C-alpha atoms as a PDB file:
ATOM      1  CA  MET A   1     108.580  71.124 105.090  1.00  0.00           C
ATOM      2  CA  ASN A   2     108.004  72.034 108.858  1.00  0.00           C
ATOM      3  CA  PHE A   3     105.416  74.794 109.351  1.00  0.00           C
ATOM      4  CA  ALA A   4     107.539  76.716 111.751  1.00  0.00           C
ATOM      5  CA  ILE A   5     110.432  76.822 109.136  1.00  0.00           C
ATOM      6  CA  MET A   6     107.934  77.946 106.587  1.00  0.00           C
ATOM      7  CA  LYS A   7     106.597  80.660 108.809  1.00  0.00           C
ATOM      8  CA  LYS A   8     110.098  81.913 109.393  1.00  0.00           C
ATOM      9  CA  ILE A   9     111.022  81.900 105.701  1.00  0.00           C
ATOM     10  CA  ALA A  10     107.914  83.775 104.938  1.00  0.00           C
ATOM     11  CA  PHE A  11     108.677  86.476 107.624  1.00  0.00           C
ATOM     12  CA  ALA A  12     112.164  86.932 106.270  1.00  0.00           C
ATOM     13  CA  LEU A  13     110.793  87.325 102.775  1.00  0.00           C
ATOM     14  CA  LEU A  14     108.177  89.905 104.091  1.00  0.00           C
ATOM     15  CA  MET A  15     110.991  91.693 105.876  1.00  0.00           C
ATOM     16  CA  MET A  16     113.072  91.895 102.704  1.00  0.00           C
ATOM     17  CA  VAL A  17     110.210  93.052 100.487  1.00  0.00           C
ATOM     18  CA  SER A  18     109.322  95.812 103.073  1.00  0.00           C
ATOM     19  CA  SER A  19     113.020  96.944 103.000  1.00  0.00           C
ATOM     20  CA  LEU A  20     113.204  96.967  99.197  1.00  0.00           C
ATOM     21  CA  TYR A  21     109.697  98.800  98.992  1.00  0.00           C
ATOM     22  CA  ALA A  22     111.044 101.415 101.534  1.00  0.00           C
ATOM     23  CA  ILE A  23     114.047 102.026  99.359  1.00  0.00           C
ATOM     24  CA  SER A  24     112.125 102.591  96.372  1.00  0.00           C
ATOM     25  CA  CYS A  25     110.079 105.105  97.975  1.00  0.00           C
ATOM     26  CA  SER A  26     112.769 107.659  98.600  1.00  0.00           C
ATOM     27  CA  SER A  27     111.928 111.061  97.280  1.00  0.00           C
ATOM     28  CA  THR A  28     113.645 114.149  96.203  1.00  0.00           C
ATOM     29  CA  THR A  29     112.721 117.998  96.073  1.00  0.00           C
ATOM     30  CA  THR A  30     113.531 120.673  93.676  1.00  0.00           C
ATOM     31  CA  ASN A  31     115.128 123.849  95.260  1.00  0.00           C
ATOM     32  CA  SER A  32     115.114 127.438  93.931  1.00  0.00           C
ATOM     33  CA  ALA A  33     118.055 126.675  91.514  1.00  0.00           C
ATOM     34  CA  ASN A  34     116.294 123.744  89.961  1.00  0.00           C
ATOM     35  CA  THR A  35     118.698 121.257  91.145  1.00  0.00           C
ATOM     36  CA  GLU A  36     117.570 118.209  92.972  1.00  0.00           C
ATOM     37  CA  THR A  37     118.454 117.746  96.626  1.00  0.00           C
ATOM     38  CA  PRO A  38     117.468 114.970  99.011  1.00  0.00           C
ATOM     39  CA  ASN A  39     114.314 115.816 101.151  1.00  0.00           C
ATOM     40  CA  SER A  40     115.464 116.020 104.604  1.00  0.00           C
ATOM     41  CA  ASN A  41     112.317 113.710 105.526  1.00  0.00           C
ATOM     42  CA  THR A  42     113.344 111.129 103.177  1.00  0.00           C
ATOM     43  CA  ALA A  43     113.680 107.934 105.301  1.00  0.00           C
ATOM     44  CA  SER A  44     116.607 105.818 105.250  1.00  0.00           C
ATOM     45  CA  VAL A  45     116.074 102.057 105.336  1.00  0.00           C
ATOM     46  CA  ILE A  46     117.138 100.579 108.730  1.00  0.00           C
ATOM     47  CA  SER A  47     117.713  96.895 108.352  1.00  0.00           C
ATOM     48  CA  GLU A  48     120.441  94.388 108.822  1.00  0.00           C
ATOM     49  CA  THR A  49     121.037  94.000 105.096  1.00  0.00           C
ATOM     50  CA  ALA A  50     120.553  97.697 103.976  1.00  0.00           C
ATOM     51  CA  ASN A  51     123.602  99.685 103.133  1.00  0.00           C
ATOM     52  CA  THR A  52     123.137 103.616 103.354  1.00  0.00           C
ATOM     53  CA  LYS A  53     125.266 105.954 101.553  1.00  0.00           C
ATOM     54  CA  ASP A  54     124.859 108.810 103.738  1.00  0.00           C
ATOM     55  CA  THR A  55     126.955 107.963 107.032  1.00  0.00           C
ATOM     56  CA  THR A  56     126.912 111.314 108.676  1.00  0.00           C
ATOM     57  CA  LYS A  57     123.077 111.574 109.139  1.00  0.00           C
ATOM     58  CA  THR A  58     123.696 115.066 110.530  1.00  0.00           C
ATOM     59  CA  GLY A  59     120.768 117.195 110.008  1.00  0.00           C
ATOM     60  CA  LYS A  60     118.580 114.289 108.918  1.00  0.00           C
ATOM     61  CA  THR A  61     115.005 113.393 110.175  1.00  0.00           C
ATOM     62  CA  ILE A  62     113.720 109.761 110.097  1.00  0.00           C
ATOM     63  CA  ILE A  63     110.075 108.682 110.500  1.00  0.00           C
ATOM     64  CA  VAL A  64     109.750 105.359 111.973  1.00  0.00           C
ATOM     65  CA  ASP A  65     106.465 103.379 111.888  1.00  0.00           C
ATOM     66  CA  VAL A  66     106.767 100.958 114.960  1.00  0.00           C
ATOM     67  CA  ARG A  67     103.941  98.717 113.864  1.00  0.00           C
ATOM     68  CA  THR A  68     104.174  94.957 112.802  1.00  0.00           C
ATOM     69  CA  PRO A  69     105.047  94.129 109.332  1.00  0.00           C
ATOM     70  CA  GLU A  70     101.628  92.571 108.853  1.00  0.00           C
ATOM     71  CA  GLU A  71     100.006  96.027 109.820  1.00  0.00           C
ATOM     72  CA  TRP A  72     102.449  97.958 107.555  1.00  0.00           C
ATOM     73  CA  ASN A  73     101.580  95.708 104.584  1.00  0.00           C
ATOM     74  CA  ASN A  74      97.757  95.091 105.255  1.00  0.00           C
ATOM     75  CA  ASP A  75      96.765  98.342 106.804  1.00  0.00           C
ATOM     76  CA  GLY A  76      98.840 100.742 104.605  1.00  0.00           C
ATOM     77  CA  HIS A  77     101.745 102.971 105.528  1.00  0.00           C
ATOM     78  CA  ALA A  78     103.046 106.436 104.646  1.00  0.00           C
ATOM     79  CA  ASP A  79     105.672 106.289 101.798  1.00  0.00           C
ATOM     80  CA  CYS A  80     108.313 108.399 103.723  1.00  0.00           C
ATOM     81  CA  THR A  81     108.355 105.975 106.838  1.00  0.00           C
ATOM     82  CA  THR A  82     110.801 103.172 107.672  1.00  0.00           C
ATOM     83  CA  LEU A  83     109.541 100.216 109.435  1.00  0.00           C
ATOM     84  CA  ILE A  84     110.941  99.174 112.619  1.00  0.00           C
ATOM     85  CA  PRO A  85     108.398  97.146 114.725  1.00  0.00           C
ATOM     86  CA  LEU A  86     108.461  98.041 118.324  1.00  0.00           C
ATOM     87  CA  ASN A  87     109.603  94.463 119.400  1.00  0.00           C
ATOM     88  CA  GLU A  88     112.865  95.003 117.237  1.00  0.00           C
ATOM     89  CA  LEU A  89     113.465  98.741 118.059  1.00  0.00           C
ATOM     90  CA  GLU A  90     115.903  98.055 121.030  1.00  0.00           C
ATOM     91  CA  SER A  91     118.151  95.644 118.878  1.00  0.00           C
ATOM     92  CA  LYS A  92     118.152  98.312 115.858  1.00  0.00           C
ATOM     93  CA  MET A  93     118.179 101.526 117.725  1.00  0.00           C
ATOM     94  CA  GLU A  94     122.025 102.074 117.176  1.00  0.00           C
ATOM     95  CA  SER A  95     121.307 102.663 113.575  1.00  0.00           C
ATOM     96  CA  LEU A  96     119.191 105.765 114.427  1.00  0.00           C
ATOM     97  CA  ARG A  97     122.087 107.290 116.403  1.00  0.00           C
ATOM     98  CA  GLY A  98     123.029 110.452 114.582  1.00  0.00           C
ATOM     99  CA  TYR A  99     119.580 111.452 113.276  1.00  0.00           C
ATOM    100  CA  ASP A 100     118.749 114.935 114.715  1.00  0.00           C
ATOM    101  CA  LYS A 101     115.072 114.270 114.649  1.00  0.00           C
ATOM    102  CA  ILE A 102     113.219 110.781 114.963  1.00  0.00           C
ATOM    103  CA  VAL A 103     109.526 110.897 114.489  1.00  0.00           C
ATOM    104  CA  LEU A 104     107.572 107.904 115.531  1.00  0.00           C
ATOM    105  CA  VAL A 105     104.137 106.591 114.223  1.00  0.00           C
ATOM    106  CA  CYS A 106     102.082 103.503 114.793  1.00  0.00           C
ATOM    107  CA  ARG A 107      98.292 102.734 114.543  1.00  0.00           C
ATOM    108  CA  SER A 108      97.081 105.182 117.315  1.00  0.00           C
ATOM    109  CA  GLY A 109     100.152 106.658 118.956  1.00  0.00           C
ATOM    110  CA  GLY A 110     100.304 104.058 121.890  1.00  0.00           C
ATOM    111  CA  ARG A 111     103.283 102.220 120.678  1.00  0.00           C
ATOM    112  CA  ALA A 112     104.934 105.101 119.285  1.00  0.00           C
ATOM    113  CA  GLY A 113     104.917 106.638 122.772  1.00  0.00           C
ATOM    114  CA  LYS A 114     106.376 103.401 124.273  1.00  0.00           C
ATOM    115  CA  ALA A 115     108.893 103.613 121.515  1.00  0.00           C
ATOM    116  CA  LYS A 116     109.772 107.354 122.536  1.00  0.00           C
ATOM    117  CA  GLU A 117     110.113 106.535 125.953  1.00  0.00           C
ATOM    118  CA  LEU A 118     112.437 103.686 125.142  1.00  0.00           C
ATOM    119  CA  LEU A 119     114.727 105.946 122.800  1.00  0.00           C
ATOM    120  CA  GLU A 120     114.629 108.720 125.452  1.00  0.00           C
ATOM    121  CA  SER A 121     115.686 106.354 128.078  1.00  0.00           C
ATOM    122  CA  LYS A 122     118.804 105.427 125.939  1.00  0.00           C
ATOM    123  CA  GLY A 123     119.799 108.901 125.489  1.00  0.00           C
ATOM    124  CA  PHE A 124     118.102 109.829 122.268  1.00  0.00           C
ATOM    125  CA  LYS A 125     117.121 113.547 121.826  1.00  0.00           C
ATOM    126  CA  GLY A 126     114.764 115.158 119.182  1.00  0.00           C
ATOM    127  CA  VAL A 127     112.162 112.061 119.589  1.00  0.00           C
ATOM    128  CA  SER A 128     108.569 112.953 118.868  1.00  0.00           C
ATOM    129  CA  ASN A 129     105.332 110.898 118.745  1.00  0.00           C
ATOM    130  CA  ALA A 130     103.188 111.849 115.678  1.00  0.00           C
ATOM    131  CA  GLY A 131     100.454 109.558 116.613  1.00  0.00           C
ATOM    132  CA  PRO A 132      98.725 107.457 113.933  1.00  0.00           C
ATOM    133  CA  TRP A 133     100.843 106.447 110.718  1.00  0.00           C
ATOM    134  CA  GLN A 134      98.523 108.853 108.651  1.00  0.00           C
ATOM    135  CA  ASN A 135     100.000 111.780 110.668  1.00  0.00           C
ATOM    136  CA  ALA A 136     103.535 111.068 109.328  1.00  0.00           C
ATOM    137  CA  PRO A 137     105.144 114.353 108.333  1.00  0.00           C
ATOM    138  CA  CYS A 138     106.001 113.348 104.831  1.00  0.00           C
ATOM    139  CA  LYS A 139     106.990 116.353 102.435  1.00  0.00           C
END
């Protein structure tokens, strides 16, 4: 089999595994009435194959890690984040519409800053750069 094809298949599998991992990491919190409600910082998985049950997204926050899949898998990531690499952000940004807050993280804050500029140039509001992925405001 051609090396380029194998590389594409491996990348596709990596993206699918990352998406499944992000889905499995959703969390809940208990309110004062002891009923479980979704945490407002729980990240929805943004991928071409993911189906989300929450279509309104109003009042929601999403935390997006804009590093590469290799960095996400090899260097670690916060469980509450969704992986959308910076080089894919423009093609996937419509899936972020409707979120009240978009928090961006990366390795040091540089790519998150570029992602913030891109989103704001496309009319997004409530976008912030939290810097390194370790600063992701998971609750």
